N, C-alpha and C. Protein backbone atom coordinates (compact mmCIF):
# COMPACT_ATOMS: atom_id res chain seq x y z
N GLN A 1 -23.50 23.07 -24.16
CA GLN A 1 -23.15 21.72 -23.27
C GLN A 1 -23.90 20.53 -24.04
N ALA A 2 -23.24 19.21 -24.11
CA ALA A 2 -23.72 18.28 -24.73
C ALA A 2 -24.89 17.96 -23.42
N SER A 3 -25.84 17.36 -23.51
CA SER A 3 -27.05 16.90 -22.61
C SER A 3 -26.36 15.82 -21.78
N TRP A 4 -25.72 14.51 -21.91
CA TRP A 4 -25.17 13.75 -20.94
C TRP A 4 -24.01 14.33 -20.11
N ARG A 5 -23.46 15.44 -20.41
CA ARG A 5 -22.98 15.64 -19.30
C ARG A 5 -23.43 16.48 -17.99
N THR A 6 -24.78 16.46 -18.04
CA THR A 6 -25.44 17.03 -16.67
C THR A 6 -27.11 16.34 -16.38
N ASP A 7 -26.58 14.95 -17.27
CA ASP A 7 -27.55 13.86 -16.90
C ASP A 7 -26.86 12.55 -15.73
N PRO A 8 -27.19 12.56 -14.39
CA PRO A 8 -26.21 12.11 -13.64
C PRO A 8 -26.36 10.52 -13.99
N LYS A 9 -27.40 10.02 -14.80
CA LYS A 9 -27.95 8.51 -14.87
C LYS A 9 -26.86 8.44 -16.04
N ARG A 10 -26.20 9.46 -16.88
CA ARG A 10 -25.60 8.63 -17.50
C ARG A 10 -23.97 9.55 -17.81
N SER A 11 -23.62 10.55 -16.35
CA SER A 11 -22.03 11.24 -16.29
C SER A 11 -21.66 10.96 -14.69
N GLY A 12 -22.86 10.06 -14.52
CA GLY A 12 -22.20 10.03 -12.76
C GLY A 12 -22.48 10.88 -11.65
N ILE A 13 -22.31 11.04 -10.62
CA ILE A 13 -22.36 11.94 -9.52
C ILE A 13 -21.38 13.52 -9.87
N ALA A 14 -20.80 13.90 -10.92
CA ALA A 14 -20.14 15.28 -10.83
C ALA A 14 -20.59 15.78 -12.45
N GLY A 15 -20.26 17.22 -12.14
CA GLY A 15 -20.73 17.83 -13.50
C GLY A 15 -19.57 18.17 -14.57
N ALA A 16 -19.30 19.86 -13.94
CA ALA A 16 -18.03 20.12 -14.35
C ALA A 16 -16.91 19.50 -13.84
N MET A 17 -16.58 18.93 -12.45
CA MET A 17 -15.87 18.24 -12.14
C MET A 17 -15.53 17.11 -12.62
N GLY A 18 -16.43 16.23 -12.72
CA GLY A 18 -16.51 15.14 -13.25
C GLY A 18 -16.02 15.36 -15.26
N ASP A 19 -16.07 16.22 -15.95
CA ASP A 19 -16.09 16.89 -17.16
C ASP A 19 -14.27 17.27 -17.42
N ILE A 20 -14.01 18.17 -16.40
CA ILE A 20 -13.08 19.21 -16.49
C ILE A 20 -12.18 19.26 -15.30
N GLY A 21 -12.61 19.43 -14.12
CA GLY A 21 -12.01 18.87 -12.72
C GLY A 21 -10.95 17.83 -12.94
N THR A 22 -11.16 16.65 -13.68
CA THR A 22 -10.39 15.57 -13.77
C THR A 22 -9.19 15.77 -14.43
N HIS A 23 -8.92 16.50 -15.53
CA HIS A 23 -8.23 16.71 -16.61
C HIS A 23 -7.26 17.50 -15.61
N ALA A 24 -7.83 18.75 -15.17
CA ALA A 24 -6.48 19.43 -14.10
C ALA A 24 -6.25 18.50 -13.19
N GLU A 25 -7.11 17.85 -12.56
CA GLU A 25 -5.96 16.95 -11.38
C GLU A 25 -5.46 16.19 -11.98
N ASN A 26 -5.14 15.62 -12.84
CA ASN A 26 -4.30 14.76 -13.52
C ASN A 26 -2.76 15.65 -14.51
N LEU A 27 -3.70 16.68 -14.94
CA LEU A 27 -2.86 17.76 -14.86
C LEU A 27 -1.74 17.92 -13.82
N ALA A 28 -2.30 18.66 -12.97
CA ALA A 28 -1.53 18.82 -11.54
C ALA A 28 -0.44 17.74 -11.24
N GLU A 29 -1.07 16.72 -11.21
CA GLU A 29 -0.48 15.71 -10.38
C GLU A 29 0.88 15.33 -11.16
N TYR A 30 0.65 15.10 -12.80
CA TYR A 30 1.55 14.93 -13.67
C TYR A 30 2.90 15.38 -13.87
N ILE A 31 2.18 17.29 -13.70
CA ILE A 31 3.59 18.02 -13.77
C ILE A 31 4.07 18.41 -12.68
N THR A 32 3.66 18.41 -11.42
CA THR A 32 4.55 18.10 -10.51
C THR A 32 5.17 17.12 -9.62
N GLY A 33 4.93 15.65 -9.95
CA GLY A 33 4.98 14.71 -9.37
C GLY A 33 4.56 14.29 -7.99
N LEU A 34 3.93 15.19 -7.53
CA LEU A 34 3.03 15.23 -6.55
C LEU A 34 1.81 14.50 -6.36
N GLN A 35 1.21 14.13 -5.35
CA GLN A 35 -0.15 13.70 -5.60
C GLN A 35 -0.83 14.57 -3.88
N ILE A 36 -2.35 14.30 -4.66
CA ILE A 36 -3.05 15.22 -3.40
C ILE A 36 -3.52 14.28 -2.31
N THR A 37 -2.76 14.82 -1.45
CA THR A 37 -3.41 14.24 -0.23
C THR A 37 -4.80 13.94 0.30
N GLU A 38 -5.40 15.50 0.33
CA GLU A 38 -6.45 16.21 0.81
C GLU A 38 -7.16 17.41 0.30
N LEU A 39 -8.30 17.85 0.13
CA LEU A 39 -9.09 18.17 -0.54
C LEU A 39 -10.22 19.29 -0.02
N CYS A 40 -10.00 20.30 0.18
CA CYS A 40 -12.18 21.20 0.16
C CYS A 40 -12.57 21.66 -1.01
N ALA A 41 -13.93 20.63 -1.18
CA ALA A 41 -14.63 21.43 -2.54
C ALA A 41 -15.73 22.12 -2.21
N ASP A 42 -15.78 23.38 -3.06
CA ASP A 42 -17.19 23.97 -3.27
C ASP A 42 -17.75 23.79 -4.41
N LEU A 43 -18.47 23.14 -4.57
CA LEU A 43 -19.07 22.85 -6.03
C LEU A 43 -20.62 23.37 -5.94
N THR A 44 -21.16 24.14 -7.14
CA THR A 44 -22.31 24.85 -7.28
C THR A 44 -22.83 25.00 -8.23
N THR A 45 -24.04 24.51 -8.29
CA THR A 45 -25.16 24.35 -9.99
C THR A 45 -25.58 25.79 -10.00
N PHE A 46 -25.20 26.47 -10.89
CA PHE A 46 -25.80 27.60 -11.19
C PHE A 46 -27.39 27.66 -12.20
N VAL A 47 -26.99 27.02 -13.16
CA VAL A 47 -28.30 26.85 -14.24
C VAL A 47 -29.22 26.34 -13.61
N ASP A 48 -30.37 26.58 -13.68
CA ASP A 48 -31.70 26.46 -13.26
C ASP A 48 -32.00 25.24 -14.05
N GLY A 49 -32.41 23.90 -13.29
CA GLY A 49 -33.07 22.94 -14.03
C GLY A 49 -31.35 21.37 -13.85
N ARG A 50 -30.49 22.09 -13.71
CA ARG A 50 -29.53 21.05 -13.89
C ARG A 50 -29.23 20.17 -12.79
N LEU A 51 -28.89 19.01 -12.75
CA LEU A 51 -28.79 18.14 -11.76
C LEU A 51 -27.40 18.09 -11.27
N LEU A 52 -26.37 18.68 -11.64
CA LEU A 52 -25.06 18.25 -11.45
C LEU A 52 -24.62 19.59 -11.58
N ASP A 53 -23.15 19.77 -10.64
CA ASP A 53 -22.28 21.03 -10.78
C ASP A 53 -22.30 21.47 -11.92
N ASP A 54 -21.95 22.94 -12.04
CA ASP A 54 -21.57 23.18 -13.19
C ASP A 54 -20.55 24.43 -12.94
N ASP A 55 -19.89 24.25 -11.69
CA ASP A 55 -18.89 25.27 -11.63
C ASP A 55 -18.11 24.72 -10.19
N GLY A 56 -17.11 24.80 -10.12
CA GLY A 56 -16.24 24.29 -8.16
C GLY A 56 -15.24 24.93 -8.51
N ASN A 57 -14.59 24.87 -7.37
CA ASN A 57 -13.40 25.10 -6.86
C ASN A 57 -12.95 24.27 -5.72
N ILE A 58 -11.45 24.22 -5.65
CA ILE A 58 -10.88 23.46 -4.46
C ILE A 58 -9.65 23.48 -3.91
N LEU A 59 -9.40 23.44 -2.78
CA LEU A 59 -8.46 23.64 -2.38
C LEU A 59 -7.93 22.35 -2.30
N LEU A 60 -6.37 22.31 -2.75
CA LEU A 60 -5.44 21.13 -2.59
C LEU A 60 -4.22 20.95 -1.58
N HIS A 61 -4.07 19.91 -0.91
CA HIS A 61 -2.91 19.35 -0.42
C HIS A 61 -2.18 18.57 -1.03
N PHE A 62 -0.80 18.54 -1.37
CA PHE A 62 -0.05 17.64 -2.01
C PHE A 62 0.23 17.09 -0.62
N ASN A 63 1.38 15.87 -1.07
CA ASN A 63 2.25 14.84 -0.01
C ASN A 63 3.09 15.41 0.06
N ASN A 64 3.93 16.60 -0.39
CA ASN A 64 5.40 17.23 0.12
C ASN A 64 5.10 18.43 1.07
N GLY A 65 3.70 18.73 0.98
CA GLY A 65 3.27 20.35 1.84
C GLY A 65 3.06 21.44 0.38
N ALA A 66 2.73 20.89 -0.24
CA ALA A 66 2.76 22.32 -1.27
C ALA A 66 0.91 22.31 -1.47
N LYS A 67 0.53 23.66 -1.61
CA LYS A 67 -0.91 23.87 -1.65
C LYS A 67 -1.18 23.97 -2.93
N GLY A 68 -2.65 23.78 -3.80
CA GLY A 68 -3.09 24.52 -4.73
C GLY A 68 -4.60 24.45 -4.65
N ILE A 69 -4.45 25.44 -6.32
CA ILE A 69 -6.43 25.85 -6.36
C ILE A 69 -6.89 25.64 -7.75
N LEU A 70 -7.95 24.47 -7.52
CA LEU A 70 -8.39 24.01 -8.86
C LEU A 70 -9.60 24.59 -9.10
N HIS A 71 -9.50 25.38 -10.23
CA HIS A 71 -10.92 25.66 -10.60
C HIS A 71 -11.63 25.25 -11.74
N ALA A 72 -12.91 24.89 -12.08
CA ALA A 72 -13.27 24.41 -13.12
C ALA A 72 -14.93 24.78 -13.37
N SER A 73 -14.78 25.32 -14.21
CA SER A 73 -16.60 26.15 -14.30
C SER A 73 -17.06 25.99 -16.08
N GLN A 74 -18.11 25.17 -16.56
CA GLN A 74 -18.91 25.64 -17.53
C GLN A 74 -19.70 26.49 -17.90
N ILE A 75 -19.95 27.53 -16.97
CA ILE A 75 -20.73 28.26 -16.41
C ILE A 75 -19.47 30.01 -16.92
N SER A 76 -18.28 30.25 -17.12
CA SER A 76 -17.16 31.43 -17.39
C SER A 76 -17.71 31.78 -18.84
N ALA A 77 -18.54 32.67 -18.77
CA ALA A 77 -19.30 33.46 -20.10
C ALA A 77 -17.71 34.11 -21.35
N GLY A 78 -18.08 33.22 -22.15
CA GLY A 78 -16.99 34.50 -23.04
C GLY A 78 -15.63 33.11 -23.00
N GLU A 79 -15.49 32.21 -21.82
CA GLU A 79 -14.37 31.40 -21.87
C GLU A 79 -14.34 30.36 -22.74
N GLU A 80 -13.46 29.94 -23.92
CA GLU A 80 -12.94 28.63 -24.48
C GLU A 80 -12.49 27.34 -23.73
N ASN A 81 -12.26 26.61 -24.50
CA ASN A 81 -11.68 25.45 -23.23
C ASN A 81 -10.18 26.12 -23.03
N ASP A 82 -9.71 25.94 -22.11
CA ASP A 82 -8.73 26.85 -21.50
C ASP A 82 -8.01 25.94 -20.06
N LEU A 83 -7.34 25.56 -20.45
CA LEU A 83 -6.76 24.22 -19.34
C LEU A 83 -5.62 25.21 -19.25
N ASN A 84 -5.20 25.46 -18.40
CA ASN A 84 -3.99 25.73 -17.83
C ASN A 84 -3.90 25.39 -16.51
N ILE A 85 -2.11 25.68 -16.04
CA ILE A 85 -1.93 25.30 -14.78
C ILE A 85 -0.48 26.62 -14.87
N ARG A 86 -0.41 26.71 -13.27
CA ARG A 86 0.84 27.59 -12.52
C ARG A 86 1.49 26.91 -11.55
N VAL A 87 2.62 26.39 -11.90
CA VAL A 87 3.44 26.21 -10.64
C VAL A 87 4.46 27.21 -9.88
N TYR A 88 4.27 27.24 -8.78
CA TYR A 88 5.18 28.30 -8.22
C TYR A 88 6.27 27.70 -7.27
N GLY A 89 7.32 27.77 -7.33
CA GLY A 89 8.32 26.98 -6.44
C GLY A 89 9.79 27.91 -5.51
N GLU A 90 10.36 27.70 -4.93
CA GLU A 90 11.06 28.27 -4.90
C GLU A 90 12.22 29.21 -5.18
N LYS A 91 12.59 28.57 -6.81
CA LYS A 91 13.40 29.39 -7.48
C LYS A 91 12.37 29.93 -9.05
N GLY A 92 11.46 30.15 -8.65
CA GLY A 92 9.93 30.85 -9.53
C GLY A 92 8.84 30.09 -10.20
N GLY A 93 8.58 30.06 -11.25
CA GLY A 93 6.86 29.60 -11.26
C GLY A 93 7.17 29.00 -12.83
N LEU A 94 6.07 28.24 -13.31
CA LEU A 94 5.97 28.35 -14.79
C LEU A 94 4.61 28.00 -15.04
N GLU A 95 4.13 28.36 -16.39
CA GLU A 95 2.91 28.80 -16.70
C GLU A 95 2.51 28.07 -17.66
N TRP A 96 1.95 27.08 -18.04
CA TRP A 96 1.26 26.74 -19.40
C TRP A 96 -0.45 26.76 -19.38
N ARG A 97 -0.66 27.13 -20.79
CA ARG A 97 -1.96 27.11 -21.11
C ARG A 97 -2.81 26.42 -22.42
N GLN A 98 -3.85 25.57 -22.50
CA GLN A 98 -4.16 24.57 -23.62
C GLN A 98 -4.25 25.57 -24.82
N MET A 99 -4.42 26.64 -24.35
CA MET A 99 -4.86 27.85 -25.42
C MET A 99 -3.45 28.54 -26.32
N GLU A 100 -2.50 28.15 -25.83
CA GLU A 100 -1.35 28.01 -26.26
C GLU A 100 -0.52 27.15 -25.89
N PRO A 101 -0.68 26.18 -26.65
CA PRO A 101 0.23 24.96 -26.38
C PRO A 101 1.14 25.03 -26.67
N ASN A 102 2.15 25.11 -27.52
CA ASN A 102 3.39 25.58 -28.12
C ASN A 102 4.49 26.36 -26.72
N SER A 103 3.77 26.81 -26.18
CA SER A 103 4.86 27.70 -24.85
C SER A 103 4.35 27.39 -23.77
N LEU A 104 5.51 27.49 -23.07
CA LEU A 104 5.87 27.12 -21.87
C LEU A 104 6.47 28.26 -20.98
N ILE A 105 6.08 28.96 -20.18
CA ILE A 105 6.28 30.27 -19.68
C ILE A 105 7.20 29.86 -18.28
N ILE A 106 8.44 30.38 -18.27
CA ILE A 106 9.15 30.09 -16.96
C ILE A 106 9.36 31.29 -16.35
N LYS A 107 9.28 32.23 -15.41
CA LYS A 107 8.97 33.02 -14.51
C LYS A 107 10.05 32.97 -13.15
N TRP A 108 11.05 33.41 -13.60
CA TRP A 108 12.57 32.93 -12.57
C TRP A 108 12.29 34.44 -11.36
N LEU A 109 12.70 33.65 -10.50
CA LEU A 109 12.78 35.03 -8.89
C LEU A 109 13.65 35.87 -9.45
N ASP A 110 15.06 35.57 -9.93
CA ASP A 110 16.41 36.20 -10.30
C ASP A 110 16.53 36.52 -11.53
N GLN A 111 15.83 36.29 -12.81
CA GLN A 111 15.91 36.42 -14.14
C GLN A 111 14.70 37.21 -14.67
N PRO A 112 14.97 37.57 -16.08
CA PRO A 112 13.54 38.02 -16.81
C PRO A 112 12.78 36.55 -17.37
N MET A 113 11.41 36.92 -17.33
CA MET A 113 10.82 35.40 -17.67
C MET A 113 11.28 34.86 -19.14
N GLN A 114 11.26 33.53 -19.04
CA GLN A 114 11.78 32.77 -20.24
C GLN A 114 10.13 31.97 -21.02
N VAL A 115 10.69 31.87 -22.24
CA VAL A 115 9.61 31.03 -23.26
C VAL A 115 10.00 30.07 -23.65
N LEU A 116 9.64 28.81 -23.21
CA LEU A 116 10.35 27.43 -23.85
C LEU A 116 9.51 27.14 -25.37
N ARG A 117 9.84 26.88 -26.47
CA ARG A 117 9.15 26.77 -27.61
C ARG A 117 9.04 25.14 -28.10
N THR A 118 8.00 24.59 -28.47
CA THR A 118 7.48 23.17 -28.64
C THR A 118 8.59 22.91 -30.15
N GLY A 119 9.48 22.37 -30.06
CA GLY A 119 10.32 22.16 -31.42
C GLY A 119 11.65 23.27 -31.17
N GLY A 120 11.95 24.15 -30.37
CA GLY A 120 13.01 24.80 -30.34
C GLY A 120 13.93 24.41 -29.14
N ALA A 121 15.09 25.37 -28.62
CA ALA A 121 15.96 24.89 -28.54
C ALA A 121 15.97 24.61 -27.25
N GLY A 122 16.93 24.02 -26.11
CA GLY A 122 16.66 24.11 -24.39
C GLY A 122 15.73 23.27 -24.13
N LEU A 123 15.22 22.24 -25.05
CA LEU A 123 14.34 21.29 -24.67
C LEU A 123 14.97 19.78 -23.82
N GLN A 124 14.44 19.50 -22.94
CA GLN A 124 14.90 18.19 -22.74
C GLN A 124 14.86 16.65 -23.59
N PRO A 125 15.24 16.12 -23.67
CA PRO A 125 15.04 15.14 -24.36
C PRO A 125 13.72 14.31 -24.50
N GLU A 126 13.14 14.24 -23.47
CA GLU A 126 11.56 13.71 -22.84
C GLU A 126 10.63 14.69 -23.63
N ALA A 127 11.01 16.01 -23.57
CA ALA A 127 10.24 16.99 -24.49
C ALA A 127 10.47 16.83 -25.93
N GLN A 128 11.71 16.73 -26.26
CA GLN A 128 11.91 16.54 -27.51
C GLN A 128 11.64 15.27 -28.25
N ALA A 129 11.30 14.27 -27.76
CA ALA A 129 10.45 12.73 -27.81
C ALA A 129 9.17 13.05 -28.48
N HIS A 130 8.92 14.20 -28.09
CA HIS A 130 7.52 14.14 -28.28
C HIS A 130 6.90 15.20 -29.13
N SER A 131 7.98 15.97 -29.62
CA SER A 131 7.77 17.34 -30.33
C SER A 131 7.70 16.44 -32.27
N ARG A 132 6.68 16.47 -32.75
CA ARG A 132 6.35 15.64 -34.18
C ARG A 132 6.54 16.51 -34.86
N ILE A 133 6.81 17.85 -35.07
CA ILE A 133 6.71 18.91 -36.22
C ILE A 133 8.05 19.75 -35.97
N PRO A 134 8.62 20.47 -36.93
CA PRO A 134 9.71 21.66 -36.57
C PRO A 134 9.29 23.17 -35.69
N ALA A 135 9.68 23.57 -35.02
CA ALA A 135 9.46 24.74 -34.43
C ALA A 135 8.47 25.68 -35.03
N GLY A 136 7.47 26.25 -34.79
CA GLY A 136 6.63 27.34 -35.64
C GLY A 136 5.41 26.75 -35.82
N HIS A 137 5.50 25.51 -36.11
CA HIS A 137 3.81 25.00 -36.63
C HIS A 137 2.98 24.69 -35.53
N PRO A 138 2.16 24.89 -35.68
CA PRO A 138 1.08 24.71 -34.26
C PRO A 138 0.85 23.34 -33.86
N GLU A 139 0.83 22.58 -32.83
CA GLU A 139 1.32 21.54 -32.30
C GLU A 139 0.29 21.66 -31.39
N GLY A 140 -0.13 20.43 -30.69
CA GLY A 140 -0.53 20.29 -29.53
C GLY A 140 -1.75 19.02 -28.97
N TYR A 141 -3.15 19.53 -29.07
CA TYR A 141 -4.36 18.93 -28.82
C TYR A 141 -4.16 17.33 -29.19
N LEU A 142 -4.38 17.40 -30.70
CA LEU A 142 -4.55 15.96 -31.53
C LEU A 142 -2.87 15.16 -31.52
N GLU A 143 -2.02 16.10 -31.66
CA GLU A 143 -0.77 15.59 -31.31
C GLU A 143 -0.70 14.63 -30.00
N ALA A 144 -1.15 15.56 -28.88
CA ALA A 144 -0.83 14.96 -27.83
C ALA A 144 -1.54 13.53 -27.43
N PHE A 145 -3.00 13.39 -28.42
CA PHE A 145 -3.55 11.72 -28.12
C PHE A 145 -2.61 11.49 -29.23
N GLY A 146 -1.89 11.29 -30.02
CA GLY A 146 -1.05 10.55 -30.64
C GLY A 146 -0.33 10.12 -30.48
N ASN A 147 0.58 10.80 -29.01
CA ASN A 147 1.82 10.70 -28.53
C ASN A 147 1.51 9.77 -27.65
N ILE A 148 -0.04 9.73 -26.40
CA ILE A 148 -0.11 8.67 -26.01
C ILE A 148 -0.25 7.68 -26.53
N TYR A 149 -0.97 7.39 -27.55
CA TYR A 149 -1.55 6.01 -28.68
C TYR A 149 0.18 5.54 -29.09
N ARG A 150 1.02 6.28 -29.69
CA ARG A 150 1.67 5.85 -29.81
C ARG A 150 2.93 5.27 -28.83
N ASN A 151 3.08 6.11 -27.62
CA ASN A 151 3.86 5.68 -26.75
C ASN A 151 3.57 4.20 -25.99
N PHE A 152 2.09 4.24 -25.77
CA PHE A 152 1.51 3.00 -25.32
C PHE A 152 2.12 1.81 -26.27
N ALA A 153 1.25 1.82 -27.63
CA ALA A 153 1.98 0.77 -28.73
C ALA A 153 3.37 0.70 -28.60
N PHE A 154 4.14 1.40 -28.60
CA PHE A 154 6.09 1.09 -28.40
C PHE A 154 6.11 0.13 -26.61
N CYS A 155 5.27 0.69 -26.30
CA CYS A 155 5.60 -0.08 -25.15
C CYS A 155 5.13 -1.47 -24.92
N LEU A 156 3.83 -1.65 -25.34
CA LEU A 156 3.16 -2.98 -25.73
C LEU A 156 4.02 -3.57 -26.54
N ARG A 157 4.77 -3.40 -27.41
CA ARG A 157 5.20 -4.11 -28.49
C ARG A 157 6.43 -4.62 -27.86
N ALA A 158 7.29 -3.47 -27.38
CA ALA A 158 8.87 -3.75 -26.15
C ALA A 158 8.01 -5.18 -25.55
N LYS A 159 7.36 -4.67 -25.21
CA LYS A 159 6.55 -6.22 -24.02
C LYS A 159 6.42 -7.35 -24.14
N LEU A 160 5.86 -7.26 -25.44
CA LEU A 160 5.89 -8.27 -26.20
C LEU A 160 6.65 -9.76 -26.85
N GLN A 161 7.46 -8.64 -26.77
CA GLN A 161 9.09 -9.12 -27.47
C GLN A 161 9.79 -9.24 -26.65
N GLY A 162 9.82 -9.27 -25.51
CA GLY A 162 10.50 -9.68 -24.39
C GLY A 162 11.62 -8.35 -23.93
N ASN A 163 11.18 -7.02 -24.36
CA ASN A 163 12.63 -6.10 -24.43
C ASN A 163 11.62 -5.14 -23.04
N GLU A 164 12.77 -4.71 -22.77
CA GLU A 164 12.35 -3.41 -21.75
C GLU A 164 11.90 -2.00 -22.64
N PRO A 165 10.91 -1.55 -22.41
CA PRO A 165 10.53 -0.28 -23.13
C PRO A 165 11.47 0.64 -23.03
N ASP A 166 11.82 1.68 -23.78
CA ASP A 166 12.44 2.78 -24.05
C ASP A 166 11.54 3.99 -22.83
N PRO A 167 12.14 4.62 -21.58
CA PRO A 167 12.06 5.09 -20.71
C PRO A 167 11.64 6.74 -21.42
N LEU A 168 12.02 6.90 -22.44
CA LEU A 168 11.23 8.26 -23.06
C LEU A 168 9.96 8.38 -23.92
N TYR A 169 9.74 6.30 -23.72
CA TYR A 169 8.11 6.56 -24.26
C TYR A 169 7.48 5.91 -23.22
N GLN A 170 7.47 5.98 -22.29
CA GLN A 170 6.79 5.13 -20.71
C GLN A 170 6.09 6.24 -20.49
N ASP A 171 5.30 7.41 -21.10
CA ASP A 171 5.07 8.69 -21.21
C ASP A 171 3.43 8.39 -21.11
N PHE A 172 2.64 7.93 -20.58
CA PHE A 172 1.23 8.08 -20.86
C PHE A 172 0.12 7.28 -19.47
N PRO A 173 -0.95 7.95 -19.44
CA PRO A 173 -1.82 7.72 -18.47
C PRO A 173 -1.81 6.08 -18.57
N THR A 174 -1.62 5.84 -16.72
CA THR A 174 -2.58 4.56 -16.95
C THR A 174 -3.53 4.36 -15.77
N VAL A 175 -3.85 2.77 -15.47
CA VAL A 175 -5.30 2.58 -15.37
C VAL A 175 -5.06 3.10 -14.01
N THR A 176 -3.81 3.49 -13.21
CA THR A 176 -3.88 3.89 -11.74
C THR A 176 -4.09 5.56 -11.76
N ASP A 177 -3.80 5.57 -12.71
CA ASP A 177 -4.14 7.42 -13.24
C ASP A 177 -5.77 7.49 -13.52
N GLY A 178 -6.24 6.83 -13.79
CA GLY A 178 -8.06 6.93 -14.04
C GLY A 178 -8.84 6.55 -12.83
N VAL A 179 -8.11 5.66 -12.13
CA VAL A 179 -8.49 5.29 -10.59
C VAL A 179 -8.49 6.60 -9.95
N ARG A 180 -7.23 7.44 -9.87
CA ARG A 180 -7.40 8.74 -9.14
C ARG A 180 -8.25 9.19 -9.34
N GLY A 181 -8.43 9.47 -10.82
CA GLY A 181 -9.16 10.50 -11.32
C GLY A 181 -10.76 10.61 -10.46
N MET A 182 -11.08 8.73 -11.18
CA MET A 182 -12.32 8.43 -10.56
C MET A 182 -12.36 8.87 -9.22
N ARG A 183 -11.21 8.43 -8.36
CA ARG A 183 -11.47 8.75 -6.83
C ARG A 183 -11.53 10.46 -6.30
N PHE A 184 -10.87 11.04 -7.59
CA PHE A 184 -11.12 12.57 -7.39
C PHE A 184 -12.40 12.83 -7.10
N ILE A 185 -13.19 12.88 -8.19
CA ILE A 185 -14.51 13.12 -8.56
C ILE A 185 -15.35 12.50 -7.16
N GLN A 186 -15.41 11.33 -6.54
CA GLN A 186 -16.28 10.98 -5.33
C GLN A 186 -15.88 11.66 -4.38
N LYS A 187 -13.93 12.43 -3.99
CA LYS A 187 -13.53 13.06 -2.95
C LYS A 187 -14.78 14.42 -3.04
N VAL A 188 -13.83 14.74 -4.23
CA VAL A 188 -14.79 16.85 -4.29
C VAL A 188 -15.79 16.68 -4.15
N VAL A 189 -16.97 15.34 -4.47
CA VAL A 189 -18.27 15.80 -4.28
C VAL A 189 -18.91 15.05 -3.07
N GLU A 190 -17.75 14.39 -2.38
CA GLU A 190 -18.14 14.08 -0.34
C GLU A 190 -17.56 15.41 0.05
N SER A 191 -16.44 16.08 -0.47
CA SER A 191 -16.27 17.31 0.13
C SER A 191 -17.13 18.36 0.38
N SER A 192 -17.92 18.66 -0.80
CA SER A 192 -18.78 19.35 -1.00
C SER A 192 -20.29 19.32 -0.55
N LYS A 193 -20.58 18.17 0.16
CA LYS A 193 -21.55 18.23 0.59
C LYS A 193 -21.60 17.90 2.21
N SER A 194 -20.05 17.97 2.41
CA SER A 194 -19.94 17.80 3.87
C SER A 194 -19.45 19.17 4.27
N THR A 195 -20.17 19.17 6.00
CA THR A 195 -19.59 20.38 6.49
C THR A 195 -18.35 20.31 7.33
N GLN A 196 -17.52 19.18 6.89
CA GLN A 196 -16.36 19.08 7.59
C GLN A 196 -15.40 19.79 6.45
N LYS A 197 -13.91 20.54 6.47
CA LYS A 197 -13.24 21.26 6.14
C LYS A 197 -12.42 20.69 5.46
N TRP A 198 -12.11 19.62 5.38
CA TRP A 198 -10.87 18.46 4.60
C TRP A 198 -11.33 17.29 4.48
N VAL A 199 -11.13 16.70 3.36
CA VAL A 199 -11.39 15.46 2.88
C VAL A 199 -10.32 14.66 2.88
N SER A 200 -9.80 13.76 3.06
CA SER A 200 -8.59 12.96 2.69
C SER A 200 -9.21 12.08 1.49
N PHE A 201 -7.82 12.51 0.68
CA PHE A 201 -8.06 11.78 -0.45
C PHE A 201 -6.89 10.60 -0.54
């Protein structure tokens, strides 16, 4: 554990939630297209002497009535960086894991499970535009950062040239996303310290 992550003077008011939870919050809103409207958080500091949370569980309410659970921990023994998401709806569910970033698992109600692979058939143009190498080659973490920087640069160049950016490349985090992440940390800590069940986001 990097020492700055557990030092409130350097990292702010949250530990695991500031370090990991904000990524999960952003992923949940990005994947679903929804926004969190309220939350109920339980943060814990298990390691003696730590000043910030190292484990947390959050119940979430979204703007369309959907509900979610977010768990972020720096103390789960034997676990690696395993950011993952599951989304369930009326027709089925989907699952994605950072540990296996080239696969998107779709779980249909009335069909066998389906696995879509990076660079493979069946991908939408938006996904194809962000695949950099042929199917079967590992792609993921570093390429994701490359896509963010490339997309931002394409859009910036188009704007500077007086053109409208290609919608396929308008896919990168914005200042608004960053502000929502900071607000998420603030509201999670507020909720965890409060006796009130739900805190508005």
